Amino acid sequence: MTRAVGRFFGHIWNATTKPVSADEPESRTELVAHEVQEVEGELDCKKVILRRTTIDEVEIREDS
């Protein structure tokens, strides 16, 4: 448990103190599909809605 807490704070420390690298190529994302499925039902005399959302994206990287 103590190790996990130490690793957590280590990740936070590194994320806030290290400079951001600009070595990554330029990229953009495009939405290909967005689908929502919804089912209504009842559970313990309460109305419930199950909603599943699927988003398909394509990441396009520009090579230098």
N, C-alpha and C. Protein backbone atom coordinates (compact mmCIF):
# COMPACT_ATOMS: atom_id res chain seq x y z
N MET A 1 0.83 -1.20 0.00
CA MET A 1 0.00 0.00 0.00
C MET A 1 0.87 1.26 0.00
N THR A 2 1.90 1.28 0.83
CA THR A 2 2.76 2.45 0.92
C THR A 2 3.48 2.68 -0.40
N ARG A 3 3.88 1.58 -1.04
CA ARG A 3 4.58 1.71 -2.33
C ARG A 3 3.67 2.33 -3.38
N ALA A 4 2.40 1.92 -3.39
CA ALA A 4 1.46 2.46 -4.35
C ALA A 4 1.26 3.96 -4.14
N VAL A 5 1.19 4.39 -2.90
CA VAL A 5 1.03 5.82 -2.60
C VAL A 5 2.28 6.58 -3.05
N GLY A 6 3.45 6.00 -2.80
CA GLY A 6 4.69 6.64 -3.24
C GLY A 6 4.78 6.76 -4.75
N ARG A 7 4.38 5.70 -5.45
CA ARG A 7 4.39 5.75 -6.92
C ARG A 7 3.41 6.80 -7.43
N PHE A 8 2.24 6.88 -6.79
CA PHE A 8 1.24 7.87 -7.18
C PHE A 8 1.80 9.28 -7.08
N PHE A 9 2.37 9.61 -5.93
CA PHE A 9 2.91 10.95 -5.75
C PHE A 9 4.14 11.17 -6.63
N GLY A 10 4.88 10.11 -6.94
CA GLY A 10 6.00 10.23 -7.87
C GLY A 10 5.54 10.62 -9.26
N HIS A 11 4.44 10.01 -9.71
CA HIS A 11 3.89 10.37 -11.03
C HIS A 11 3.42 11.81 -11.05
N ILE A 12 2.76 12.23 -9.97
CA ILE A 12 2.30 13.62 -9.88
C ILE A 12 3.50 14.57 -9.89
N TRP A 13 4.52 14.25 -9.13
CA TRP A 13 5.72 15.10 -9.06
C TRP A 13 6.37 15.22 -10.43
N ASN A 14 6.55 14.09 -11.13
CA ASN A 14 7.18 14.13 -12.45
C ASN A 14 6.33 14.90 -13.46
N ALA A 15 5.03 14.76 -13.37
CA ALA A 15 4.16 15.46 -14.30
C ALA A 15 4.19 16.97 -14.11
N THR A 16 4.45 17.42 -12.89
CA THR A 16 4.43 18.86 -12.63
C THR A 16 5.81 19.51 -12.71
N THR A 17 6.88 18.72 -12.70
CA THR A 17 8.22 19.33 -12.68
C THR A 17 9.00 19.14 -13.98
N LYS A 18 8.69 18.12 -14.77
CA LYS A 18 9.44 17.89 -16.01
C LYS A 18 8.87 18.76 -17.14
N PRO A 19 9.74 19.29 -17.99
CA PRO A 19 9.24 20.08 -19.11
C PRO A 19 8.52 19.19 -20.13
N VAL A 20 7.60 19.80 -20.85
CA VAL A 20 6.85 19.07 -21.86
C VAL A 20 7.73 18.91 -23.09
N SER A 21 7.80 17.70 -23.60
CA SER A 21 8.61 17.40 -24.77
C SER A 21 7.85 17.75 -26.04
N ALA A 22 8.52 18.38 -26.97
CA ALA A 22 7.91 18.72 -28.26
C ALA A 22 8.34 17.74 -29.34
N ASP A 23 8.84 16.56 -28.95
CA ASP A 23 9.31 15.57 -29.91
C ASP A 23 8.18 14.81 -30.59
N GLU A 24 6.98 14.90 -30.06
CA GLU A 24 5.85 14.20 -30.64
C GLU A 24 5.46 14.86 -31.96
N PRO A 25 5.15 14.07 -32.97
CA PRO A 25 4.69 14.65 -34.24
C PRO A 25 3.30 15.28 -34.06
N GLU A 26 2.99 16.23 -34.91
CA GLU A 26 1.67 16.86 -34.89
C GLU A 26 0.61 15.79 -35.19
N SER A 27 -0.51 15.88 -34.52
CA SER A 27 -1.57 14.92 -34.77
C SER A 27 -2.92 15.59 -34.62
N ARG A 28 -3.90 14.97 -35.22
CA ARG A 28 -5.28 15.43 -35.07
C ARG A 28 -6.17 14.19 -35.01
N THR A 29 -7.31 14.33 -34.39
CA THR A 29 -8.24 13.21 -34.32
C THR A 29 -9.51 13.58 -35.07
N GLU A 30 -10.07 12.57 -35.71
CA GLU A 30 -11.33 12.76 -36.43
C GLU A 30 -12.34 11.75 -35.91
N LEU A 31 -13.54 12.21 -35.67
CA LEU A 31 -14.61 11.36 -35.20
C LEU A 31 -15.15 10.56 -36.38
N VAL A 32 -15.14 9.24 -36.26
CA VAL A 32 -15.61 8.36 -37.33
C VAL A 32 -17.05 7.95 -37.09
N ALA A 33 -17.36 7.57 -35.85
CA ALA A 33 -18.71 7.14 -35.53
C ALA A 33 -19.03 7.46 -34.08
N HIS A 34 -20.30 7.77 -33.81
CA HIS A 34 -20.76 8.04 -32.45
C HIS A 34 -22.12 7.36 -32.33
N GLU A 35 -22.18 6.30 -31.51
CA GLU A 35 -23.40 5.51 -31.40
C GLU A 35 -23.84 5.47 -29.94
N VAL A 36 -25.14 5.70 -29.72
CA VAL A 36 -25.70 5.66 -28.37
C VAL A 36 -26.83 4.64 -28.37
N GLN A 37 -26.73 3.68 -27.44
CA GLN A 37 -27.78 2.69 -27.25
C GLN A 37 -28.38 2.94 -25.88
N GLU A 38 -29.72 2.94 -25.81
CA GLU A 38 -30.39 3.24 -24.55
C GLU A 38 -31.52 2.24 -24.32
N VAL A 39 -31.54 1.67 -23.11
CA VAL A 39 -32.58 0.72 -22.73
C VAL A 39 -33.17 1.17 -21.40
N GLU A 40 -34.50 1.26 -21.35
CA GLU A 40 -35.17 1.63 -20.12
C GLU A 40 -35.71 0.38 -19.46
N GLY A 41 -35.68 0.36 -18.13
CA GLY A 41 -36.20 -0.78 -17.40
C GLY A 41 -36.59 -0.38 -16.00
N GLU A 42 -36.85 -1.39 -15.17
CA GLU A 42 -37.26 -1.13 -13.79
C GLU A 42 -36.46 -2.05 -12.88
N LEU A 43 -35.98 -1.49 -11.77
CA LEU A 43 -35.20 -2.23 -10.79
C LEU A 43 -35.64 -1.79 -9.41
N ASP A 44 -36.13 -2.71 -8.61
CA ASP A 44 -36.62 -2.40 -7.27
C ASP A 44 -37.66 -1.28 -7.30
N CYS A 45 -38.57 -1.37 -8.22
CA CYS A 45 -39.67 -0.40 -8.38
C CYS A 45 -39.16 1.00 -8.71
N LYS A 46 -37.97 1.09 -9.28
CA LYS A 46 -37.43 2.38 -9.71
C LYS A 46 -37.10 2.31 -11.19
N LYS A 47 -37.35 3.40 -11.87
CA LYS A 47 -37.05 3.47 -13.30
C LYS A 47 -35.54 3.62 -13.48
N VAL A 48 -34.94 2.78 -14.32
CA VAL A 48 -33.51 2.86 -14.61
C VAL A 48 -33.32 2.94 -16.11
N ILE A 49 -32.24 3.58 -16.50
CA ILE A 49 -31.88 3.71 -17.90
C ILE A 49 -30.44 3.24 -18.05
N LEU A 50 -30.25 2.26 -18.93
CA LEU A 50 -28.90 1.79 -19.26
C LEU A 50 -28.52 2.45 -20.57
N ARG A 51 -27.44 3.21 -20.55
CA ARG A 51 -27.01 3.94 -21.73
C ARG A 51 -25.57 3.54 -22.04
N ARG A 52 -25.34 3.10 -23.27
CA ARG A 52 -24.00 2.71 -23.71
C ARG A 52 -23.63 3.61 -24.90
N THR A 53 -22.51 4.29 -24.76
CA THR A 53 -22.04 5.20 -25.81
C THR A 53 -20.73 4.67 -26.37
N THR A 54 -20.67 4.53 -27.67
CA THR A 54 -19.46 4.07 -28.35
C THR A 54 -18.99 5.18 -29.28
N ILE A 55 -17.73 5.59 -29.11
CA ILE A 55 -17.15 6.64 -29.95
C ILE A 55 -15.92 6.06 -30.64
N ASP A 56 -15.92 6.11 -31.95
CA ASP A 56 -14.78 5.66 -32.74
C ASP A 56 -14.06 6.88 -33.29
N GLU A 57 -12.76 6.97 -33.00
CA GLU A 57 -11.93 8.07 -33.46
C GLU A 57 -10.73 7.53 -34.21
N VAL A 58 -10.22 8.34 -35.10
CA VAL A 58 -8.99 8.04 -35.82
C VAL A 58 -7.99 9.14 -35.50
N GLU A 59 -6.79 8.76 -35.07
CA GLU A 59 -5.72 9.73 -34.81
C GLU A 59 -4.80 9.75 -36.01
N ILE A 60 -4.61 10.91 -36.58
CA ILE A 60 -3.76 11.07 -37.76
C ILE A 60 -2.54 11.86 -37.34
N ARG A 61 -1.37 11.23 -37.49
CA ARG A 61 -0.11 11.88 -37.11
C ARG A 61 0.62 12.35 -38.36
N GLU A 62 1.05 13.59 -38.29
CA GLU A 62 1.81 14.18 -39.39
C GLU A 62 3.29 13.91 -39.15
N ASP A 63 3.92 13.12 -40.01
CA ASP A 63 5.34 12.82 -39.88
C ASP A 63 6.16 13.98 -40.46
N SER A 64 7.23 14.31 -39.78
CA SER A 64 8.08 15.42 -40.24
C SER A 64 8.98 14.99 -41.36
